[in-house]
Amino acid sequence: MRLYIAVRGNSPGPLFMFPGGAPVSKSFFSVQLKKSLTWAGLPHGSYKGHSFRIGAATTAAMRGMSDEEIQRMGRWKSQAFRKYIRITMLHLHSSTAT
């Protein structure tokens, strides 16, 4: 991933793009994800494209980003992004105890 980011740069837009700048399609991404997981010996049935949206929204929330920032980052038009945030009660308890 670090190599990809080094090549892609920090330009705005989708994280995964073709060399010409067009965003990869959901189907292309899904096929590549499945191939990569299979190559790595991981169960591809446990991972979907939405895993990345869940991870990004959860990480952003854990880092203190506002709802508006998370919504903009994920290009959500509604409050649906809140369903993607997966912060466990155990984590919430440990972070408030310190």
PDB file of N, CA and C in Angstrom:
ATOM      1  N   MET A   1       0.824  -1.174   0.000  1.00  0.00           N
ATOM      2  CA  MET A   1       0.000   0.000   0.000  1.00  0.00           C
ATOM      3  C   MET A   1       0.878   1.252   0.000  1.00  0.00           C
ATOM      4  N   ARG A   2       1.957   1.205   0.771  1.00  0.00           N
ATOM      5  CA  ARG A   2       2.857   2.372   0.805  1.00  0.00           C
ATOM      6  C   ARG A   2       3.432   2.668  -0.572  1.00  0.00           C
ATOM      7  N   LEU A   3       3.790   1.622  -1.303  1.00  0.00           N
ATOM      8  CA  LEU A   3       4.322   1.809  -2.652  1.00  0.00           C
ATOM      9  C   LEU A   3       3.260   2.426  -3.561  1.00  0.00           C
ATOM     10  N   TYR A   4       2.034   1.921  -3.460  1.00  0.00           N
ATOM     11  CA  TYR A   4       0.944   2.471  -4.268  1.00  0.00           C
ATOM     12  C   TYR A   4       0.733   3.956  -3.956  1.00  0.00           C
ATOM     13  N   ILE A   5       0.696   4.300  -2.674  1.00  0.00           N
ATOM     14  CA  ILE A   5       0.503   5.702  -2.275  1.00  0.00           C
ATOM     15  C   ILE A   5       1.661   6.559  -2.772  1.00  0.00           C
ATOM     16  N   ALA A   6       2.879   6.029  -2.729  1.00  0.00           N
ATOM     17  CA  ALA A   6       4.036   6.782  -3.224  1.00  0.00           C
ATOM     18  C   ALA A   6       3.894   7.074  -4.711  1.00  0.00           C
ATOM     19  N   VAL A   7       3.385   6.113  -5.461  1.00  0.00           N
ATOM     20  CA  VAL A   7       3.197   6.302  -6.901  1.00  0.00           C
ATOM     21  C   VAL A   7       1.995   7.198  -7.172  1.00  0.00           C
ATOM     22  N   ARG A   8       0.898   6.972  -6.453  1.00  0.00           N
ATOM     23  CA  ARG A   8      -0.340   7.726  -6.664  1.00  0.00           C
ATOM     24  C   ARG A   8      -0.198   9.178  -6.227  1.00  0.00           C
ATOM     25  N   GLY A   9       0.497   9.392  -5.118  1.00  0.00           N
ATOM     26  CA  GLY A   9       0.624  10.743  -4.592  1.00  0.00           C
ATOM     27  C   GLY A   9      -0.556  11.102  -3.704  1.00  0.00           C
ATOM     28  N   ASN A  10      -0.591  12.333  -3.276  1.00  0.00           N
ATOM     29  CA  ASN A  10      -1.634  12.802  -2.360  1.00  0.00           C
ATOM     30  C   ASN A  10      -2.708  13.623  -3.053  1.00  0.00           C
ATOM     31  N   SER A  11      -2.870  13.450  -4.337  1.00  0.00           N
ATOM     32  CA  SER A  11      -3.874  14.235  -5.050  1.00  0.00           C
ATOM     33  C   SER A  11      -5.271  13.873  -4.566  1.00  0.00           C
ATOM     34  N   PRO A  12      -6.190  14.830  -4.631  1.00  0.00           N
ATOM     35  CA  PRO A  12      -7.561  14.543  -4.193  1.00  0.00           C
ATOM     36  C   PRO A  12      -8.233  13.549  -5.138  1.00  0.00           C
ATOM     37  N   GLY A  13      -9.291  12.959  -4.659  1.00  0.00           N
ATOM     38  CA  GLY A  13     -10.042  12.010  -5.476  1.00  0.00           C
ATOM     39  C   GLY A  13     -10.040  10.636  -4.851  1.00  0.00           C
ATOM     40  N   PRO A  14     -10.579   9.679  -5.566  1.00  0.00           N
ATOM     41  CA  PRO A  14     -10.662   8.315  -5.035  1.00  0.00           C
ATOM     42  C   PRO A  14      -9.278   7.757  -4.715  1.00  0.00           C
ATOM     43  N   LEU A  15      -9.215   6.891  -3.736  1.00  0.00           N
ATOM     44  CA  LEU A  15      -7.941   6.275  -3.368  1.00  0.00           C
ATOM     45  C   LEU A  15      -7.424   5.390  -4.490  1.00  0.00           C
ATOM     46  N   PHE A  16      -8.299   4.579  -5.062  1.00  0.00           N
ATOM     47  CA  PHE A  16      -7.878   3.649  -6.108  1.00  0.00           C
ATOM     48  C   PHE A  16      -8.312   4.168  -7.471  1.00  0.00           C
ATOM     49  N   MET A  17      -7.308   4.461  -8.314  1.00  0.00           N
ATOM     50  CA  MET A  17      -7.562   4.998  -9.650  1.00  0.00           C
ATOM     51  C   MET A  17      -6.694   4.262 -10.660  1.00  0.00           C
ATOM     52  N   PHE A  18      -7.152   4.279 -11.903  1.00  0.00           N
ATOM     53  CA  PHE A  18      -6.330   3.771 -12.992  1.00  0.00           C
ATOM     54  C   PHE A  18      -5.267   4.820 -13.309  1.00  0.00           C
ATOM     55  N   PRO A  19      -4.197   4.456 -14.025  1.00  0.00           N
ATOM     56  CA  PRO A  19      -3.127   5.415 -14.325  1.00  0.00           C
ATOM     57  C   PRO A  19      -3.610   6.729 -14.948  1.00  0.00           C
ATOM     58  N   GLY A  20      -4.678   6.695 -15.715  1.00  0.00           N
ATOM     59  CA  GLY A  20      -5.188   7.919 -16.327  1.00  0.00           C
ATOM     60  C   GLY A  20      -6.001   8.790 -15.393  1.00  0.00           C
ATOM     61  N   GLY A  21      -6.243   8.308 -14.176  1.00  0.00           N
ATOM     62  CA  GLY A  21      -6.983   9.093 -13.195  1.00  0.00           C
ATOM     63  C   GLY A  21      -8.428   8.682 -13.007  1.00  0.00           C
ATOM     64  N   ALA A  22      -8.930   7.776 -13.843  1.00  0.00           N
ATOM     65  CA  ALA A  22     -10.315   7.316 -13.696  1.00  0.00           C
ATOM     66  C   ALA A  22     -10.415   6.398 -12.482  1.00  0.00           C
ATOM     67  N   PRO A  23     -11.482   6.544 -11.699  1.00  0.00           N
ATOM     68  CA  PRO A  23     -11.622   5.663 -10.534  1.00  0.00           C
ATOM     69  C   PRO A  23     -11.885   4.221 -10.961  1.00  0.00           C
ATOM     70  N   VAL A  24     -11.373   3.272 -10.188  1.00  0.00           N
ATOM     71  CA  VAL A  24     -11.660   1.872 -10.499  1.00  0.00           C
ATOM     72  C   VAL A  24     -13.123   1.602 -10.162  1.00  0.00           C
ATOM     73  N   SER A  25     -13.727   0.695 -10.910  1.00  0.00           N
ATOM     74  CA  SER A  25     -15.129   0.351 -10.661  1.00  0.00           C
ATOM     75  C   SER A  25     -15.226  -0.578  -9.454  1.00  0.00           C
ATOM     76  N   LYS A  26     -16.431  -0.673  -8.911  1.00  0.00           N
ATOM     77  CA  LYS A  26     -16.643  -1.572  -7.774  1.00  0.00           C
ATOM     78  C   LYS A  26     -16.341  -3.009  -8.166  1.00  0.00           C
ATOM     79  N   SER A  27     -16.760  -3.391  -9.367  1.00  0.00           N
ATOM     80  CA  SER A  27     -16.535  -4.780  -9.787  1.00  0.00           C
ATOM     81  C   SER A  27     -15.044  -5.062  -9.980  1.00  0.00           C
ATOM     82  N   PHE A  28     -14.302  -4.123 -10.564  1.00  0.00           N
ATOM     83  CA  PHE A  28     -12.856  -4.299 -10.733  1.00  0.00           C
ATOM     84  C   PHE A  28     -12.185  -4.431  -9.367  1.00  0.00           C
ATOM     85  N   PHE A  29     -12.552  -3.549  -8.456  1.00  0.00           N
ATOM     86  CA  PHE A  29     -11.970  -3.583  -7.118  1.00  0.00           C
ATOM     87  C   PHE A  29     -12.262  -4.910  -6.435  1.00  0.00           C
ATOM     88  N   SER A  30     -13.506  -5.376  -6.531  1.00  0.00           N
ATOM     89  CA  SER A  30     -13.891  -6.637  -5.888  1.00  0.00           C
ATOM     90  C   SER A  30     -13.096  -7.814  -6.426  1.00  0.00           C
ATOM     91  N   VAL A  31     -12.906  -7.856  -7.740  1.00  0.00           N
ATOM     92  CA  VAL A  31     -12.134  -8.943  -8.355  1.00  0.00           C
ATOM     93  C   VAL A  31     -10.686  -8.894  -7.881  1.00  0.00           C
ATOM     94  N   GLN A  32     -10.091  -7.704  -7.866  1.00  0.00           N
ATOM     95  CA  GLN A  32      -8.698  -7.566  -7.438  1.00  0.00           C
ATOM     96  C   GLN A  32      -8.532  -7.893  -5.950  1.00  0.00           C
ATOM     97  N   LEU A  33      -9.500  -7.493  -5.150  1.00  0.00           N
ATOM     98  CA  LEU A  33      -9.462  -7.794  -3.718  1.00  0.00           C
ATOM     99  C   LEU A  33      -9.498  -9.306  -3.500  1.00  0.00           C
ATOM    100  N   LYS A  34     -10.395  -9.979  -4.190  1.00  0.00           N
ATOM    101  CA  LYS A  34     -10.509 -11.438  -4.056  1.00  0.00           C
ATOM    102  C   LYS A  34      -9.212 -12.126  -4.487  1.00  0.00           C
ATOM    103  N   LYS A  35      -8.632 -11.689  -5.600  1.00  0.00           N
ATOM    104  CA  LYS A  35      -7.365 -12.266  -6.070  1.00  0.00           C
ATOM    105  C   LYS A  35      -6.250 -12.051  -5.047  1.00  0.00           C
ATOM    106  N   SER A  36      -6.180 -10.858  -4.497  1.00  0.00           N
ATOM    107  CA  SER A  36      -5.125 -10.532  -3.529  1.00  0.00           C
ATOM    108  C   SER A  36      -5.265 -11.346  -2.250  1.00  0.00           C
ATOM    109  N   LEU A  37      -6.483 -11.481  -1.769  1.00  0.00           N
ATOM    110  CA  LEU A  37      -6.708 -12.253  -0.551  1.00  0.00           C
ATOM    111  C   LEU A  37      -6.399 -13.730  -0.768  1.00  0.00           C
ATOM    112  N   THR A  38      -6.792 -14.248  -1.929  1.00  0.00           N
ATOM    113  CA  THR A  38      -6.499 -15.642  -2.260  1.00  0.00           C
ATOM    114  C   THR A  38      -4.993 -15.852  -2.322  1.00  0.00           C
ATOM    115  N   TRP A  39      -4.281 -14.936  -2.982  1.00  0.00           N
ATOM    116  CA  TRP A  39      -2.823 -15.011  -3.084  1.00  0.00           C
ATOM    117  C   TRP A  39      -2.179 -15.006  -1.697  1.00  0.00           C
ATOM    118  N   ALA A  40      -2.747 -14.205  -0.783  1.00  0.00           N
ATOM    119  CA  ALA A  40      -2.194 -14.091   0.570  1.00  0.00           C
ATOM    120  C   ALA A  40      -2.634 -15.238   1.482  1.00  0.00           C
ATOM    121  N   GLY A  41      -3.488 -16.114   0.961  1.00  0.00           N
ATOM    122  CA  GLY A  41      -3.956 -17.239   1.763  1.00  0.00           C
ATOM    123  C   GLY A  41      -5.010 -16.868   2.788  1.00  0.00           C
ATOM    124  N   LEU A  42      -5.693 -15.755   2.556  1.00  0.00           N
ATOM    125  CA  LEU A  42      -6.733 -15.299   3.479  1.00  0.00           C
ATOM    126  C   LEU A  42      -8.109 -15.670   2.937  1.00  0.00           C
ATOM    127  N   PRO A  43      -9.085 -15.863   3.816  1.00  0.00           N
ATOM    128  CA  PRO A  43     -10.435 -16.224   3.367  1.00  0.00           C
ATOM    129  C   PRO A  43     -11.134 -15.028   2.711  1.00  0.00           C
ATOM    130  N   HIS A  44     -11.229 -15.047   1.388  1.00  0.00           N
ATOM    131  CA  HIS A  44     -11.789 -13.889   0.683  1.00  0.00           C
ATOM    132  C   HIS A  44     -13.257 -13.654   1.007  1.00  0.00           C
ATOM    133  N   GLY A  45     -13.956 -14.661   1.493  1.00  0.00           N
ATOM    134  CA  GLY A  45     -15.360 -14.482   1.856  1.00  0.00           C
ATOM    135  C   GLY A  45     -15.565 -13.590   3.065  1.00  0.00           C
ATOM    136  N   SER A  46     -14.511 -13.372   3.827  1.00  0.00           N
ATOM    137  CA  SER A  46     -14.607 -12.541   5.030  1.00  0.00           C
ATOM    138  C   SER A  46     -14.398 -11.058   4.747  1.00  0.00           C
ATOM    139  N   TYR A  47     -14.004 -10.717   3.535  1.00  0.00           N
ATOM    140  CA  TYR A  47     -13.701  -9.327   3.191  1.00  0.00           C
ATOM    141  C   TYR A  47     -14.501  -8.903   1.968  1.00  0.00           C
ATOM    142  N   LYS A  48     -15.042  -7.713   2.032  1.00  0.00           N
ATOM    143  CA  LYS A  48     -15.773  -7.129   0.912  1.00  0.00           C
ATOM    144  C   LYS A  48     -15.298  -5.688   0.744  1.00  0.00           C
ATOM    145  N   GLY A  49     -15.686  -5.074  -0.355  1.00  0.00           N
ATOM    146  CA  GLY A  49     -15.323  -3.680  -0.581  1.00  0.00           C
ATOM    147  C   GLY A  49     -15.789  -2.763   0.535  1.00  0.00           C
ATOM    148  N   HIS A  50     -16.938  -3.096   1.120  1.00  0.00           N
ATOM    149  CA  HIS A  50     -17.456  -2.264   2.206  1.00  0.00           C
ATOM    150  C   HIS A  50     -16.582  -2.338   3.454  1.00  0.00           C
ATOM    151  N   SER A  51     -15.746  -3.358   3.553  1.00  0.00           N
ATOM    152  CA  SER A  51     -14.830  -3.448   4.691  1.00  0.00           C
ATOM    153  C   SER A  51     -13.957  -2.200   4.768  1.00  0.00           C
ATOM    154  N   PHE A  52     -13.602  -1.656   3.611  1.00  0.00           N
ATOM    155  CA  PHE A  52     -12.753  -0.467   3.572  1.00  0.00           C
ATOM    156  C   PHE A  52     -13.522   0.768   4.017  1.00  0.00           C
ATOM    157  N   ARG A  53     -14.792   0.852   3.651  1.00  0.00           N
ATOM    158  CA  ARG A  53     -15.606   1.987   4.085  1.00  0.00           C
ATOM    159  C   ARG A  53     -15.825   1.921   5.595  1.00  0.00           C
ATOM    160  N   ILE A  54     -16.058   0.703   6.098  1.00  0.00           N
ATOM    161  CA  ILE A  54     -16.225   0.517   7.540  1.00  0.00           C
ATOM    162  C   ILE A  54     -14.940   0.919   8.257  1.00  0.00           C
ATOM    163  N   GLY A  55     -13.816   0.431   7.766  1.00  0.00           N
ATOM    164  CA  GLY A  55     -12.534   0.739   8.393  1.00  0.00           C
ATOM    165  C   GLY A  55     -12.204   2.216   8.364  1.00  0.00           C
ATOM    166  N   ALA A  56     -12.460   2.861   7.244  1.00  0.00           N
ATOM    167  CA  ALA A  56     -12.154   4.293   7.126  1.00  0.00           C
ATOM    168  C   ALA A  56     -13.042   5.123   8.042  1.00  0.00           C
ATOM    169  N   ALA A  57     -14.340   4.831   8.054  1.00  0.00           N
ATOM    170  CA  ALA A  57     -15.263   5.592   8.903  1.00  0.00           C
ATOM    171  C   ALA A  57     -14.946   5.374  10.379  1.00  0.00           C
ATOM    172  N   THR A  58     -14.660   4.138  10.751  1.00  0.00           N
ATOM    173  CA  THR A  58     -14.341   3.825  12.142  1.00  0.00           C
ATOM    174  C   THR A  58     -13.041   4.498  12.573  1.00  0.00           C
ATOM    175  N   THR A  59     -12.018   4.407  11.740  1.00  0.00           N
ATOM    176  CA  THR A  59     -10.733   5.033  12.063  1.00  0.00           C
ATOM    177  C   THR A  59     -10.881   6.542  12.191  1.00  0.00           C
ATOM    178  N   ALA A  60     -11.628   7.145  11.273  1.00  0.00           N
ATOM    179  CA  ALA A  60     -11.839   8.595  11.326  1.00  0.00           C
ATOM    180  C   ALA A  60     -12.552   8.992  12.616  1.00  0.00           C
ATOM    181  N   ALA A  61     -13.575   8.236  12.992  1.00  0.00           N
ATOM    182  CA  ALA A  61     -14.310   8.541  14.226  1.00  0.00           C
ATOM    183  C   ALA A  61     -13.411   8.376  15.446  1.00  0.00           C
ATOM    184  N   MET A  62     -12.598   7.319  15.445  1.00  0.00           N
ATOM    185  CA  MET A  62     -11.692   7.086  16.577  1.00  0.00           C
ATOM    186  C   MET A  62     -10.636   8.178  16.690  1.00  0.00           C
ATOM    187  N   ARG A  63     -10.312   8.809  15.581  1.00  0.00           N
ATOM    188  CA  ARG A  63      -9.316   9.897  15.600  1.00  0.00           C
ATOM    189  C   ARG A  63      -9.948  11.254  15.871  1.00  0.00           C
ATOM    190  N   GLY A  64     -11.260  11.250  16.109  1.00  0.00           N
ATOM    191  CA  GLY A  64     -11.930  12.480  16.498  1.00  0.00           C
ATOM    192  C   GLY A  64     -12.444  13.345  15.366  1.00  0.00           C
ATOM    193  N   MET A  65     -12.507  12.811  14.160  1.00  0.00           N
ATOM    194  CA  MET A  65     -13.050  13.599  13.052  1.00  0.00           C
ATOM    195  C   MET A  65     -14.536  13.847  13.288  1.00  0.00           C
ATOM    196  N   SER A  66     -15.012  14.990  12.849  1.00  0.00           N
ATOM    197  CA  SER A  66     -16.424  15.330  13.015  1.00  0.00           C
ATOM    198  C   SER A  66     -17.278  14.519  12.042  1.00  0.00           C
ATOM    199  N   ASP A  67     -18.567  14.450  12.336  1.00  0.00           N
ATOM    200  CA  ASP A  67     -19.491  13.760  11.435  1.00  0.00           C
ATOM    201  C   ASP A  67     -19.417  14.348  10.029  1.00  0.00           C
ATOM    202  N   GLU A  68     -19.334  15.666   9.944  1.00  0.00           N
ATOM    203  CA  GLU A  68     -19.280  16.332   8.643  1.00  0.00           C
ATOM    204  C   GLU A  68     -18.025  15.938   7.871  1.00  0.00           C
ATOM    205  N   GLU A  69     -16.897  15.849   8.563  1.00  0.00           N
ATOM    206  CA  GLU A  69     -15.646  15.452   7.907  1.00  0.00           C
ATOM    207  C   GLU A  69     -15.722  14.010   7.413  1.00  0.00           C
ATOM    208  N   ILE A  70     -16.267  13.126   8.232  1.00  0.00           N
ATOM    209  CA  ILE A  70     -16.397  11.722   7.838  1.00  0.00           C
ATOM    210  C   ILE A  70     -17.344  11.602   6.651  1.00  0.00           C
ATOM    211  N   GLN A  71     -18.429  12.328   6.698  1.00  0.00           N
ATOM    212  CA  GLN A  71     -19.410  12.300   5.609  1.00  0.00           C
ATOM    213  C   GLN A  71     -18.785  12.790   4.306  1.00  0.00           C
ATOM    214  N   ARG A  72     -18.032  13.855   4.371  1.00  0.00           N
ATOM    215  CA  ARG A  72     -17.376  14.404   3.182  1.00  0.00           C
ATOM    216  C   ARG A  72     -16.301  13.449   2.665  1.00  0.00           C
ATOM    217  N   MET A  73     -15.509  12.887   3.576  1.00  0.00           N
ATOM    218  CA  MET A  73     -14.440  11.973   3.200  1.00  0.00           C
ATOM    219  C   MET A  73     -14.990  10.766   2.436  1.00  0.00           C
ATOM    220  N   GLY A  74     -16.110  10.220   2.903  1.00  0.00           N
ATOM    221  CA  GLY A  74     -16.692   9.045   2.263  1.00  0.00           C
ATOM    222  C   GLY A  74     -17.681   9.365   1.160  1.00  0.00           C
ATOM    223  N   ARG A  75     -17.844  10.645   0.865  1.00  0.00           N
ATOM    224  CA  ARG A  75     -18.781  11.105  -0.164  1.00  0.00           C
ATOM    225  C   ARG A  75     -20.205  10.600   0.093  1.00  0.00           C
ATOM    226  N   TRP A  76     -20.602  10.583   1.378  1.00  0.00           N
ATOM    227  CA  TRP A  76     -21.960  10.198   1.742  1.00  0.00           C
ATOM    228  C   TRP A  76     -22.863  11.412   1.618  1.00  0.00           C
ATOM    229  N   LYS A  77     -24.061  11.191   1.115  1.00  0.00           N
ATOM    230  CA  LYS A  77     -25.038  12.274   0.966  1.00  0.00           C
ATOM    231  C   LYS A  77     -26.021  12.299   2.137  1.00  0.00           C
ATOM    232  N   SER A  78     -25.976  11.272   2.981  1.00  0.00           N
ATOM    233  CA  SER A  78     -26.907  11.165   4.104  1.00  0.00           C
ATOM    234  C   SER A  78     -26.130  10.800   5.368  1.00  0.00           C
ATOM    235  N   GLN A  79     -26.856  10.506   6.405  1.00  0.00           N
ATOM    236  CA  GLN A  79     -26.253  10.092   7.673  1.00  0.00           C
ATOM    237  C   GLN A  79     -25.940   8.598   7.699  1.00  0.00           C
ATOM    238  N   ALA A  80     -26.039   7.925   6.563  1.00  0.00           N
ATOM    239  CA  ALA A  80     -25.812   6.476   6.483  1.00  0.00           C
ATOM    240  C   ALA A  80     -24.417   6.082   6.958  1.00  0.00           C
ATOM    241  N   PHE A  81     -23.459   6.994   6.889  1.00  0.00           N
ATOM    242  CA  PHE A  81     -22.088   6.672   7.303  1.00  0.00           C
ATOM    243  C   PHE A  81     -22.031   6.207   8.752  1.00  0.00           C
ATOM    244  N   ARG A  82     -22.985   6.643   9.557  1.00  0.00           N
ATOM    245  CA  ARG A  82     -22.979   6.269  10.978  1.00  0.00           C
ATOM    246  C   ARG A  82     -23.111   4.761  11.168  1.00  0.00           C
ATOM    247  N   LYS A  83     -23.749   4.084  10.221  1.00  0.00           N
ATOM    248  CA  LYS A  83     -23.897   2.625  10.296  1.00  0.00           C
ATOM    249  C   LYS A  83     -22.561   1.923  10.079  1.00  0.00           C
ATOM    250  N   TYR A  84     -21.599   2.615   9.501  1.00  0.00           N
ATOM    251  CA  TYR A  84     -20.297   2.030   9.194  1.00  0.00           C
ATOM    252  C   TYR A  84     -19.307   2.152  10.347  1.00  0.00           C
ATOM    253  N   ILE A  85     -19.589   3.000  11.293  1.00  0.00           N
ATOM    254  CA  ILE A  85     -18.664   3.225  12.403  1.00  0.00           C
ATOM    255  C   ILE A  85     -18.830   2.095  13.411  1.00  0.00           C
ATOM    256  N   ARG A  86     -17.748   1.352  13.631  1.00  0.00           N
ATOM    257  CA  ARG A  86     -17.788   0.160  14.484  1.00  0.00           C
ATOM    258  C   ARG A  86     -16.829   0.325  15.659  1.00  0.00           C
ATOM    259  N   ILE A  87     -17.214   1.119  16.614  1.00  0.00           N
ATOM    260  CA  ILE A  87     -16.396   1.288  17.809  1.00  0.00           C
ATOM    261  C   ILE A  87     -17.039   0.460  18.911  1.00  0.00           C
ATOM    262  N   THR A  88     -16.298  -0.487  19.435  1.00  0.00           N
ATOM    263  CA  THR A  88     -16.844  -1.377  20.456  1.00  0.00           C
ATOM    264  C   THR A  88     -16.998  -0.654  21.784  1.00  0.00           C
ATOM    265  N   MET A  89     -17.901  -1.148  22.584  1.00  0.00           N
ATOM    266  CA  MET A  89     -18.105  -0.565  23.908  1.00  0.00           C
ATOM    267  C   MET A  89     -16.840  -0.704  24.753  1.00  0.00           C
ATOM    268  N   LEU A  90     -16.103  -1.801  24.589  1.00  0.00           N
ATOM    269  CA  LEU A  90     -14.856  -1.997  25.326  1.00  0.00           C
ATOM    270  C   LEU A  90     -13.868  -0.884  25.001  1.00  0.00           C
ATOM    271  N   HIS A  91     -13.748  -0.543  23.708  1.00  0.00           N
ATOM    272  CA  HIS A  91     -12.831   0.526  23.309  1.00  0.00           C
ATOM    273  C   HIS A  91     -13.302   1.865  23.870  1.00  0.00           C
ATOM    274  N   LEU A  92     -14.602   2.117  23.804  1.00  0.00           N
ATOM    275  CA  LEU A  92     -15.125   3.374  24.327  1.00  0.00           C
ATOM    276  C   LEU A  92     -14.846   3.480  25.826  1.00  0.00           C
ATOM    277  N   HIS A  93     -15.025   2.384  26.548  1.00  0.00           N
ATOM    278  CA  HIS A  93     -14.786   2.390  27.987  1.00  0.00           C
ATOM    279  C   HIS A  93     -13.310   2.650  28.298  1.00  0.00           C
ATOM    280  N   SER A  94     -12.424   1.986  27.580  1.00  0.00           N
ATOM    281  CA  SER A  94     -10.996   2.151  27.861  1.00  0.00           C
ATOM    282  C   SER A  94     -10.508   3.540  27.492  1.00  0.00           C
ATOM    283  N   SER A  95     -11.088   4.152  26.469  1.00  0.00           N
ATOM    284  CA  SER A  95     -10.625   5.485  26.077  1.00  0.00           C
ATOM    285  C   SER A  95     -11.143   6.558  27.024  1.00  0.00           C
ATOM    286  N   THR A  96     -12.285   6.328  27.680  1.00  0.00           N
ATOM    287  CA  THR A  96     -12.795   7.323  28.617  1.00  0.00           C
ATOM    288  C   THR A  96     -12.203   7.150  30.005  1.00  0.00           C
ATOM    289  N   ALA A  97     -11.620   5.985  30.267  1.00  0.00           N
ATOM    290  CA  ALA A  97     -11.033   5.717  31.582  1.00  0.00           C
ATOM    291  C   ALA A  97      -9.666   6.364  31.746  1.00  0.00           C
ATOM    292  N   THR A  98      -9.038   6.766  30.643  1.00  0.00           N
ATOM    293  CA  THR A  98      -7.693   7.347  30.733  1.00  0.00           C
ATOM    294  C   THR A  98      -7.734   8.843  30.834  1.00  0.00           C
TER     295      THR A  98
END
